[in-house]
Amino acid sequence: MEKIAVGMTIKLVKDYDGSKPVGSTATIVYIDDFDQIFVDWSDGGQAKFSEEQLVNYFELSA
């Protein structure tokens, strides 16, 4: 698996809470000291995920 880094685009491949449809994309904007990953959704809004959630629910791309 690729290293998770700020600026990466991620694509939702599995529903996690019903708030965004599968296929939605986001950009990683910040990773805090507790490895919480903050993203900006391409259609607006923000979200926070753990590294485990990112691995389980998203596909990473450069």
N, C-alpha and C. Protein backbone atom coordinates (compact mmCIF):
# COMPACT_ATOMS: atom_id res chain seq x y z
N MET A 1 0.82 -1.17 0.00
CA MET A 1 0.00 0.00 0.00
C MET A 1 0.88 1.25 0.00
N GLU A 2 0.38 2.29 -0.67
CA GLU A 2 1.10 3.54 -0.71
C GLU A 2 1.12 4.22 0.64
N LYS A 3 2.11 5.05 0.84
CA LYS A 3 2.17 5.86 2.06
C LYS A 3 1.09 6.93 1.96
N ILE A 4 0.38 7.14 3.03
CA ILE A 4 -0.67 8.15 3.08
C ILE A 4 -0.02 9.51 3.29
N ALA A 5 -0.36 10.48 2.43
CA ALA A 5 0.27 11.79 2.51
C ALA A 5 -0.72 12.90 2.16
N VAL A 6 -0.46 14.08 2.69
CA VAL A 6 -1.27 15.25 2.36
C VAL A 6 -1.20 15.49 0.86
N GLY A 7 -2.33 15.83 0.28
CA GLY A 7 -2.41 16.10 -1.15
C GLY A 7 -2.90 14.93 -1.97
N MET A 8 -2.92 13.74 -1.37
CA MET A 8 -3.40 12.57 -2.10
C MET A 8 -4.91 12.65 -2.31
N THR A 9 -5.35 12.10 -3.43
CA THR A 9 -6.77 11.96 -3.70
C THR A 9 -7.19 10.56 -3.28
N ILE A 10 -8.33 10.47 -2.60
CA ILE A 10 -8.85 9.17 -2.19
C ILE A 10 -10.25 9.01 -2.77
N LYS A 11 -10.63 7.77 -3.03
CA LYS A 11 -11.93 7.46 -3.62
C LYS A 11 -12.64 6.46 -2.72
N LEU A 12 -13.87 6.79 -2.34
CA LEU A 12 -14.66 5.92 -1.48
C LEU A 12 -15.08 4.68 -2.28
N VAL A 13 -14.71 3.49 -1.77
CA VAL A 13 -15.03 2.25 -2.47
C VAL A 13 -16.00 1.37 -1.69
N LYS A 14 -16.32 1.77 -0.46
CA LYS A 14 -17.22 0.99 0.38
C LYS A 14 -17.96 1.96 1.30
N ASP A 15 -19.28 1.82 1.42
CA ASP A 15 -20.06 2.72 2.25
C ASP A 15 -19.66 2.59 3.71
N TYR A 16 -19.47 3.72 4.38
CA TYR A 16 -19.11 3.68 5.80
C TYR A 16 -20.20 4.24 6.71
N ASP A 17 -21.02 5.17 6.24
CA ASP A 17 -22.10 5.68 7.09
C ASP A 17 -23.29 6.23 6.30
N GLY A 18 -23.27 6.08 4.99
CA GLY A 18 -24.39 6.52 4.16
C GLY A 18 -24.39 7.99 3.82
N SER A 19 -23.42 8.76 4.31
CA SER A 19 -23.43 10.20 4.05
C SER A 19 -22.89 10.57 2.66
N LYS A 20 -22.07 9.72 2.08
CA LYS A 20 -21.49 9.97 0.76
C LYS A 20 -21.66 8.71 -0.09
N PRO A 21 -21.98 8.89 -1.37
CA PRO A 21 -22.11 7.71 -2.23
C PRO A 21 -20.75 7.09 -2.57
N VAL A 22 -20.74 5.79 -2.76
CA VAL A 22 -19.53 5.10 -3.20
C VAL A 22 -19.10 5.74 -4.51
N GLY A 23 -17.80 5.98 -4.65
CA GLY A 23 -17.26 6.66 -5.82
C GLY A 23 -16.91 8.11 -5.56
N SER A 24 -17.36 8.65 -4.42
CA SER A 24 -17.03 10.03 -4.06
C SER A 24 -15.52 10.15 -3.85
N THR A 25 -14.98 11.32 -4.17
CA THR A 25 -13.55 11.54 -4.01
C THR A 25 -13.29 12.68 -3.03
N ALA A 26 -12.11 12.64 -2.44
CA ALA A 26 -11.69 13.66 -1.49
C ALA A 26 -10.18 13.82 -1.58
N THR A 27 -9.70 14.93 -1.06
CA THR A 27 -8.27 15.19 -1.00
C THR A 27 -7.85 15.26 0.47
N ILE A 28 -6.76 14.59 0.79
CA ILE A 28 -6.23 14.63 2.15
C ILE A 28 -5.59 16.00 2.36
N VAL A 29 -6.06 16.72 3.39
CA VAL A 29 -5.56 18.08 3.63
C VAL A 29 -4.71 18.20 4.89
N TYR A 30 -4.82 17.24 5.81
CA TYR A 30 -4.08 17.35 7.06
C TYR A 30 -4.04 15.99 7.75
N ILE A 31 -2.91 15.69 8.38
CA ILE A 31 -2.79 14.49 9.22
C ILE A 31 -2.24 14.97 10.56
N ASP A 32 -3.01 14.76 11.63
CA ASP A 32 -2.58 15.29 12.93
C ASP A 32 -1.62 14.35 13.65
N ASP A 33 -1.20 14.76 14.84
CA ASP A 33 -0.23 13.98 15.62
C ASP A 33 -0.78 12.65 16.12
N PHE A 34 -2.10 12.48 16.06
CA PHE A 34 -2.74 11.25 16.49
C PHE A 34 -3.13 10.38 15.30
N ASP A 35 -2.57 10.68 14.12
CA ASP A 35 -2.83 9.95 12.87
C ASP A 35 -4.29 10.01 12.44
N GLN A 36 -4.97 11.09 12.81
CA GLN A 36 -6.31 11.34 12.28
C GLN A 36 -6.12 12.06 10.95
N ILE A 37 -6.85 11.63 9.93
CA ILE A 37 -6.68 12.14 8.58
C ILE A 37 -7.89 13.00 8.23
N PHE A 38 -7.64 14.25 7.89
CA PHE A 38 -8.69 15.20 7.55
C PHE A 38 -8.74 15.36 6.03
N VAL A 39 -9.96 15.33 5.49
CA VAL A 39 -10.13 15.41 4.04
C VAL A 39 -11.15 16.48 3.68
N ASP A 40 -11.01 17.01 2.46
CA ASP A 40 -12.01 17.87 1.85
C ASP A 40 -12.66 17.07 0.73
N TRP A 41 -13.97 16.89 0.81
CA TRP A 41 -14.71 16.19 -0.24
C TRP A 41 -14.77 17.05 -1.49
N SER A 42 -14.70 16.42 -2.66
CA SER A 42 -14.71 17.17 -3.92
C SER A 42 -16.05 17.89 -4.15
N ASP A 43 -17.13 17.38 -3.55
CA ASP A 43 -18.44 18.02 -3.71
C ASP A 43 -18.79 18.92 -2.53
N GLY A 44 -17.80 19.21 -1.70
CA GLY A 44 -17.99 20.11 -0.57
C GLY A 44 -18.04 19.37 0.75
N GLY A 45 -17.59 20.03 1.77
CA GLY A 45 -17.61 19.44 3.11
C GLY A 45 -16.27 18.85 3.48
N GLN A 46 -16.17 18.54 4.76
CA GLN A 46 -14.94 17.96 5.30
C GLN A 46 -15.28 16.75 6.14
N ALA A 47 -14.28 15.92 6.38
CA ALA A 47 -14.46 14.73 7.22
C ALA A 47 -13.12 14.35 7.84
N LYS A 48 -13.20 13.49 8.84
CA LYS A 48 -12.00 13.02 9.55
C LYS A 48 -12.09 11.50 9.63
N PHE A 49 -10.97 10.83 9.36
CA PHE A 49 -10.92 9.37 9.39
C PHE A 49 -9.64 8.92 10.09
N SER A 50 -9.70 7.73 10.65
CA SER A 50 -8.48 7.11 11.17
C SER A 50 -7.76 6.44 10.00
N GLU A 51 -6.52 6.08 10.20
CA GLU A 51 -5.77 5.38 9.15
C GLU A 51 -6.45 4.06 8.81
N GLU A 52 -6.96 3.36 9.83
CA GLU A 52 -7.65 2.08 9.61
C GLU A 52 -8.89 2.28 8.73
N GLN A 53 -9.67 3.33 8.99
CA GLN A 53 -10.85 3.61 8.17
C GLN A 53 -10.44 3.91 6.74
N LEU A 54 -9.38 4.68 6.56
CA LEU A 54 -8.92 5.02 5.23
C LEU A 54 -8.57 3.76 4.44
N VAL A 55 -7.86 2.86 5.08
CA VAL A 55 -7.45 1.61 4.43
C VAL A 55 -8.67 0.75 4.08
N ASN A 56 -9.65 0.71 4.97
CA ASN A 56 -10.82 -0.17 4.78
C ASN A 56 -11.86 0.37 3.80
N TYR A 57 -11.97 1.67 3.68
CA TYR A 57 -13.08 2.25 2.92
C TYR A 57 -12.68 3.02 1.67
N PHE A 58 -11.38 3.26 1.48
CA PHE A 58 -10.95 4.11 0.37
C PHE A 58 -9.88 3.45 -0.49
N GLU A 59 -9.83 3.93 -1.74
CA GLU A 59 -8.75 3.59 -2.66
C GLU A 59 -7.89 4.85 -2.78
N LEU A 60 -6.60 4.68 -2.67
CA LEU A 60 -5.70 5.82 -2.73
C LEU A 60 -5.16 6.00 -4.15
N SER A 61 -4.98 7.24 -4.55
CA SER A 61 -4.33 7.53 -5.82
C SER A 61 -3.43 8.74 -5.65
N ALA A 62 -2.44 8.85 -6.49
CA ALA A 62 -1.45 9.93 -6.36
C ALA A 62 -2.05 11.28 -6.68
